[in-house]
Amino acid sequence: MAPDDLEQQMAALHPASFAWALACTRWNAAEAEEVLQSVYLSVLEGRARFDGRSTLKTWLFSVVRNTAARARRRRWLEARAPWKLFLGTAPPDAGPLDALASEQRGARIRRALGQLPARQREVLDLVFFHEMTVEQAAEIMGVTLGTARAHYHRGKLRLLELLGPEDLR
């Protein structure tokens, strides 16, 4: 499809795409606008390419859905700030005792991660601290998706054994 045709068809689909983005962001208009802007940027930069295997609308809606899911996951991770636990940093409004407890918890988590086998540690690091999917981690690690999923699952279970549920909050 020619770039001009694609642009015109996407412009015609904009109202429907925005409505879908709203649904994907639980009716948050600001988030829906950001998601749609990210989608359009991905298309313009060539990171998202329409290959004609489906209708343009189906393809565009899947890109919107995936972009919204990534944004939601990123916000969820930021809210829980696992890297802060890992680094042992306390929230800005924490008092000295809270800061000490956070530092000690971070040290326990680092020690527990150090006890995991290399592949488990690697997949957990990629997923939790680098905001990647297990699929992306598998590609980086050069293993199959099933292998990465197994290491991810085993690593989480082992961390739970080593730390207990209270340290993983």
C-alpha atoms as a PDB file:
ATOM      1  CA  MET A   1       0.000   0.000   0.000  1.00  0.00           C
ATOM      2  CA  ALA A   2       1.341   3.426  -0.911  1.00  0.00           C
ATOM      3  CA  PRO A   3       2.200   5.729   1.997  1.00  0.00           C
ATOM      4  CA  ASP A   4      -0.374   8.313   0.874  1.00  0.00           C
ATOM      5  CA  ASP A   5      -3.120   5.660   0.710  1.00  0.00           C
ATOM      6  CA  LEU A   6      -2.153   4.364   4.141  1.00  0.00           C
ATOM      7  CA  GLU A   7      -2.222   7.877   5.575  1.00  0.00           C
ATOM      8  CA  GLN A   8      -5.659   8.594   4.111  1.00  0.00           C
ATOM      9  CA  GLN A   9      -7.130   5.312   5.308  1.00  0.00           C
ATOM     10  CA  MET A  10      -5.668   5.771   8.780  1.00  0.00           C
ATOM     11  CA  ALA A  11      -7.103   9.301   8.891  1.00  0.00           C
ATOM     12  CA  ALA A  12     -10.517   7.867   7.993  1.00  0.00           C
ATOM     13  CA  LEU A  13     -10.122   5.298  10.786  1.00  0.00           C
ATOM     14  CA  HIS A  14      -9.062   7.885  13.366  1.00  0.00           C
ATOM     15  CA  PRO A  15     -12.448   8.258  15.137  1.00  0.00           C
ATOM     16  CA  ALA A  16     -12.821   4.492  15.457  1.00  0.00           C
ATOM     17  CA  SER A  17      -9.168   4.133  16.486  1.00  0.00           C
ATOM     18  CA  PHE A  18      -9.590   6.751  19.186  1.00  0.00           C
ATOM     19  CA  ALA A  19     -12.722   5.021  20.478  1.00  0.00           C
ATOM     20  CA  TRP A  20     -10.782   1.741  20.598  1.00  0.00           C
ATOM     21  CA  ALA A  21      -7.862   3.447  22.352  1.00  0.00           C
ATOM     22  CA  LEU A  22     -10.340   4.785  24.931  1.00  0.00           C
ATOM     23  CA  ALA A  23     -11.638   1.269  25.538  1.00  0.00           C
ATOM     24  CA  CYS A  24      -8.079  -0.073  25.833  1.00  0.00           C
ATOM     25  CA  THR A  25      -7.168   2.594  28.400  1.00  0.00           C
ATOM     26  CA  ARG A  26     -10.311   2.143  30.499  1.00  0.00           C
ATOM     27  CA  TRP A  27     -11.839   5.362  29.161  1.00  0.00           C
ATOM     28  CA  ASN A  28      -8.946   7.625  30.137  1.00  0.00           C
ATOM     29  CA  ALA A  29      -8.909  10.249  27.365  1.00  0.00           C
ATOM     30  CA  ALA A  30      -5.404  11.534  28.106  1.00  0.00           C
ATOM     31  CA  GLU A  31      -3.944   8.020  28.046  1.00  0.00           C
ATOM     32  CA  ALA A  32      -5.886   7.184  24.885  1.00  0.00           C
ATOM     33  CA  GLU A  33      -4.424  10.258  23.164  1.00  0.00           C
ATOM     34  CA  GLU A  34      -0.907   9.239  24.213  1.00  0.00           C
ATOM     35  CA  VAL A  35      -1.447   5.679  23.018  1.00  0.00           C
ATOM     36  CA  LEU A  36      -2.759   6.824  19.641  1.00  0.00           C
ATOM     37  CA  GLN A  37       0.101   9.287  19.279  1.00  0.00           C
ATOM     38  CA  SER A  38       2.578   6.466  20.004  1.00  0.00           C
ATOM     39  CA  VAL A  39       0.832   4.269  17.435  1.00  0.00           C
ATOM     40  CA  TYR A  40       1.005   6.929  14.743  1.00  0.00           C
ATOM     41  CA  LEU A  41       4.652   7.594  15.541  1.00  0.00           C
ATOM     42  CA  SER A  42       5.406   3.864  15.299  1.00  0.00           C
ATOM     43  CA  VAL A  43       3.770   3.759  11.886  1.00  0.00           C
ATOM     44  CA  LEU A  44       5.610   6.870  10.665  1.00  0.00           C
ATOM     45  CA  GLU A  45       8.973   5.578  11.899  1.00  0.00           C
ATOM     46  CA  GLY A  46       8.358   2.160  10.362  1.00  0.00           C
ATOM     47  CA  ARG A  47       8.357   0.251  13.651  1.00  0.00           C
ATOM     48  CA  ALA A  48       4.787  -0.854  12.943  1.00  0.00           C
ATOM     49  CA  ARG A  49       4.270  -1.964   9.351  1.00  0.00           C
ATOM     50  CA  PHE A  50       1.071  -2.999   7.656  1.00  0.00           C
ATOM     51  CA  ASP A  51       1.828  -6.111   5.599  1.00  0.00           C
ATOM     52  CA  GLY A  52      -1.633  -6.750   4.209  1.00  0.00           C
ATOM     53  CA  ARG A  53      -2.250 -10.067   5.993  1.00  0.00           C
ATOM     54  CA  SER A  54      -5.411  -8.608   7.534  1.00  0.00           C
ATOM     55  CA  THR A  55      -7.538  -5.540   6.989  1.00  0.00           C
ATOM     56  CA  LEU A  56      -5.974  -2.212   7.837  1.00  0.00           C
ATOM     57  CA  LYS A  57      -8.522  -1.697  10.616  1.00  0.00           C
ATOM     58  CA  THR A  58      -7.741  -5.069  12.208  1.00  0.00           C
ATOM     59  CA  TRP A  59      -4.008  -4.389  12.046  1.00  0.00           C
ATOM     60  CA  LEU A  60      -4.362  -0.837  13.395  1.00  0.00           C
ATOM     61  CA  PHE A  61      -6.568  -1.962  16.273  1.00  0.00           C
ATOM     62  CA  SER A  62      -4.061  -4.651  17.242  1.00  0.00           C
ATOM     63  CA  VAL A  63      -1.265  -2.048  17.258  1.00  0.00           C
ATOM     64  CA  VAL A  64      -3.421   0.206  19.457  1.00  0.00           C
ATOM     65  CA  ARG A  65      -4.192  -2.671  21.827  1.00  0.00           C
ATOM     66  CA  ASN A  66      -0.552  -3.719  22.118  1.00  0.00           C
ATOM     67  CA  THR A  67       0.620  -0.135  22.618  1.00  0.00           C
ATOM     68  CA  ALA A  68      -1.983   0.433  25.343  1.00  0.00           C
ATOM     69  CA  ALA A  69      -0.971  -2.816  27.067  1.00  0.00           C
ATOM     70  CA  ARG A  70       2.708  -1.800  27.036  1.00  0.00           C
ATOM     71  CA  ALA A  71       1.841   1.623  28.462  1.00  0.00           C
ATOM     72  CA  ARG A  72      -0.339   0.056  31.174  1.00  0.00           C
ATOM     73  CA  ARG A  73       2.425  -2.399  32.073  1.00  0.00           C
ATOM     74  CA  ARG A  74       5.006   0.395  32.218  1.00  0.00           C
ATOM     75  CA  ARG A  75       2.772   2.441  34.556  1.00  0.00           C
ATOM     76  CA  TRP A  76       2.147  -0.614  36.717  1.00  0.00           C
ATOM     77  CA  LEU A  77       5.872  -1.286  37.011  1.00  0.00           C
ATOM     78  CA  GLU A  78       6.648   2.359  37.723  1.00  0.00           C
ATOM     79  CA  ALA A  79       4.048   2.415  40.481  1.00  0.00           C
ATOM     80  CA  ARG A  80       5.631  -0.588  42.144  1.00  0.00           C
ATOM     81  CA  ALA A  81       9.169   0.567  41.372  1.00  0.00           C
ATOM     82  CA  PRO A  82      10.885  -2.818  41.707  1.00  0.00           C
ATOM     83  CA  TRP A  83      14.226  -1.237  40.876  1.00  0.00           C
ATOM     84  CA  LYS A  84      13.856   0.912  44.007  1.00  0.00           C
ATOM     85  CA  LEU A  85      13.444  -2.232  46.081  1.00  0.00           C
ATOM     86  CA  PHE A  86      16.416  -3.742  44.303  1.00  0.00           C
ATOM     87  CA  LEU A  87      18.536  -0.669  44.901  1.00  0.00           C
ATOM     88  CA  GLY A  88      17.223  -0.224  48.433  1.00  0.00           C
ATOM     89  CA  THR A  89      15.951   3.319  47.993  1.00  0.00           C
ATOM     90  CA  ALA A  90      13.079   4.587  50.061  1.00  0.00           C
ATOM     91  CA  PRO A  91      10.270   6.838  48.836  1.00  0.00           C
ATOM     92  CA  PRO A  92      11.038  10.571  49.075  1.00  0.00           C
ATOM     93  CA  ASP A  93       8.686  11.100  52.034  1.00  0.00           C
ATOM     94  CA  ALA A  94      10.129   8.201  54.069  1.00  0.00           C
ATOM     95  CA  GLY A  95      11.619   8.814  57.463  1.00  0.00           C
ATOM     96  CA  PRO A  96      15.026   7.519  58.598  1.00  0.00           C
ATOM     97  CA  LEU A  97      13.625   4.210  59.884  1.00  0.00           C
ATOM     98  CA  ASP A  98      11.714   3.613  56.642  1.00  0.00           C
ATOM     99  CA  ALA A  99      14.832   4.409  54.636  1.00  0.00           C
ATOM    100  CA  LEU A 100      16.884   1.937  56.686  1.00  0.00           C
ATOM    101  CA  ALA A 101      14.221  -0.770  56.277  1.00  0.00           C
ATOM    102  CA  SER A 102      14.086  -0.143  52.528  1.00  0.00           C
ATOM    103  CA  GLU A 103      17.872  -0.344  52.286  1.00  0.00           C
ATOM    104  CA  GLN A 104      17.897  -3.620  54.207  1.00  0.00           C
ATOM    105  CA  ARG A 105      15.109  -5.040  52.032  1.00  0.00           C
ATOM    106  CA  GLY A 106      17.039  -4.048  48.903  1.00  0.00           C
ATOM    107  CA  ALA A 107      20.113  -5.847  50.226  1.00  0.00           C
ATOM    108  CA  ARG A 108      18.036  -9.006  50.921  1.00  0.00           C
ATOM    109  CA  ILE A 109      16.582  -8.925  47.405  1.00  0.00           C
ATOM    110  CA  ARG A 110      20.037  -8.473  45.839  1.00  0.00           C
ATOM    111  CA  ARG A 111      21.373 -11.418  47.888  1.00  0.00           C
ATOM    112  CA  ALA A 112      18.380 -13.589  46.901  1.00  0.00           C
ATOM    113  CA  LEU A 113      18.790 -12.722  43.212  1.00  0.00           C
ATOM    114  CA  GLY A 114      22.463 -13.640  43.513  1.00  0.00           C
ATOM    115  CA  GLN A 115      21.465 -17.123  44.690  1.00  0.00           C
ATOM    116  CA  LEU A 116      19.403 -17.840  41.580  1.00  0.00           C
ATOM    117  CA  PRO A 117      20.834 -19.749  38.623  1.00  0.00           C
ATOM    118  CA  ALA A 118      22.138 -17.416  35.905  1.00  0.00           C
ATOM    119  CA  ARG A 119      19.249 -17.899  33.446  1.00  0.00           C
ATOM    120  CA  GLN A 120      16.588 -17.357  36.112  1.00  0.00           C
ATOM    121  CA  ARG A 121      18.349 -14.231  37.329  1.00  0.00           C
ATOM    122  CA  GLU A 122      18.768 -12.993  33.759  1.00  0.00           C
ATOM    123  CA  VAL A 123      15.129 -13.440  32.722  1.00  0.00           C
ATOM    124  CA  LEU A 124      13.848 -11.830  35.944  1.00  0.00           C
ATOM    125  CA  ASP A 125      16.218  -8.902  35.462  1.00  0.00           C
ATOM    126  CA  LEU A 126      15.074  -8.357  31.873  1.00  0.00           C
ATOM    127  CA  VAL A 127      11.374  -8.594  32.710  1.00  0.00           C
ATOM    128  CA  PHE A 128      11.231  -6.674  35.994  1.00  0.00           C
ATOM    129  CA  PHE A 129      14.038  -4.151  35.757  1.00  0.00           C
ATOM    130  CA  HIS A 130      14.179  -3.566  31.999  1.00  0.00           C
ATOM    131  CA  GLU A 131      10.427  -3.742  31.345  1.00  0.00           C
ATOM    132  CA  MET A 132      10.639  -6.455  28.712  1.00  0.00           C
ATOM    133  CA  THR A 133       8.250  -9.266  27.987  1.00  0.00           C
ATOM    134  CA  VAL A 134       9.267 -12.873  28.521  1.00  0.00           C
ATOM    135  CA  GLU A 135       9.256 -13.217  24.719  1.00  0.00           C
ATOM    136  CA  GLN A 136      11.743 -10.361  24.358  1.00  0.00           C
ATOM    137  CA  ALA A 137      13.878 -11.807  27.131  1.00  0.00           C
ATOM    138  CA  ALA A 138      13.924 -15.187  25.342  1.00  0.00           C
ATOM    139  CA  GLU A 139      15.142 -13.523  22.162  1.00  0.00           C
ATOM    140  CA  ILE A 140      17.881 -11.635  24.000  1.00  0.00           C
ATOM    141  CA  MET A 141      18.950 -14.733  25.931  1.00  0.00           C
ATOM    142  CA  GLY A 142      18.969 -16.849  22.765  1.00  0.00           C
ATOM    143  CA  VAL A 143      16.591 -19.466  24.178  1.00  0.00           C
ATOM    144  CA  THR A 144      13.147 -20.661  23.173  1.00  0.00           C
ATOM    145  CA  LEU A 145      10.085 -18.968  24.594  1.00  0.00           C
ATOM    146  CA  GLY A 146       9.195 -22.121  26.545  1.00  0.00           C
ATOM    147  CA  THR A 147      12.638 -22.204  28.134  1.00  0.00           C
ATOM    148  CA  ALA A 148      12.428 -18.529  29.094  1.00  0.00           C
ATOM    149  CA  ARG A 149       8.959 -19.034  30.575  1.00  0.00           C
ATOM    150  CA  ALA A 150      10.198 -21.985  32.617  1.00  0.00           C
ATOM    151  CA  HIS A 151      13.173 -19.999  33.983  1.00  0.00           C
ATOM    152  CA  TYR A 152      10.892 -17.024  34.701  1.00  0.00           C
ATOM    153  CA  HIS A 153       8.390 -19.169  36.598  1.00  0.00           C
ATOM    154  CA  ARG A 154      11.051 -21.074  38.534  1.00  0.00           C
ATOM    155  CA  GLY A 155      12.907 -17.873  39.345  1.00  0.00           C
ATOM    156  CA  LYS A 156       9.803 -16.232  40.788  1.00  0.00           C
ATOM    157  CA  LEU A 157       9.024 -19.303  42.888  1.00  0.00           C
ATOM    158  CA  ARG A 158      12.610 -19.492  44.152  1.00  0.00           C
ATOM    159  CA  LEU A 159      12.623 -15.796  45.071  1.00  0.00           C
ATOM    160  CA  LEU A 160       9.398 -16.305  46.977  1.00  0.00           C
ATOM    161  CA  GLU A 161      11.034 -19.186  48.876  1.00  0.00           C
ATOM    162  CA  LEU A 162      14.139 -17.166  49.630  1.00  0.00           C
ATOM    163  CA  LEU A 163      12.399 -13.944  50.618  1.00  0.00           C
ATOM    164  CA  GLY A 164       8.844 -14.646  51.630  1.00  0.00           C
ATOM    165  CA  PRO A 165       5.861 -12.711  50.317  1.00  0.00           C
ATOM    166  CA  GLU A 166       6.412  -9.634  52.515  1.00  0.00           C
ATOM    167  CA  ASP A 167       9.669  -8.686  50.750  1.00  0.00           C
ATOM    168  CA  LEU A 168       8.152  -8.866  47.280  1.00  0.00           C
ATOM    169  CA  ARG A 169       5.564  -6.141  47.811  1.00  0.00           C
END
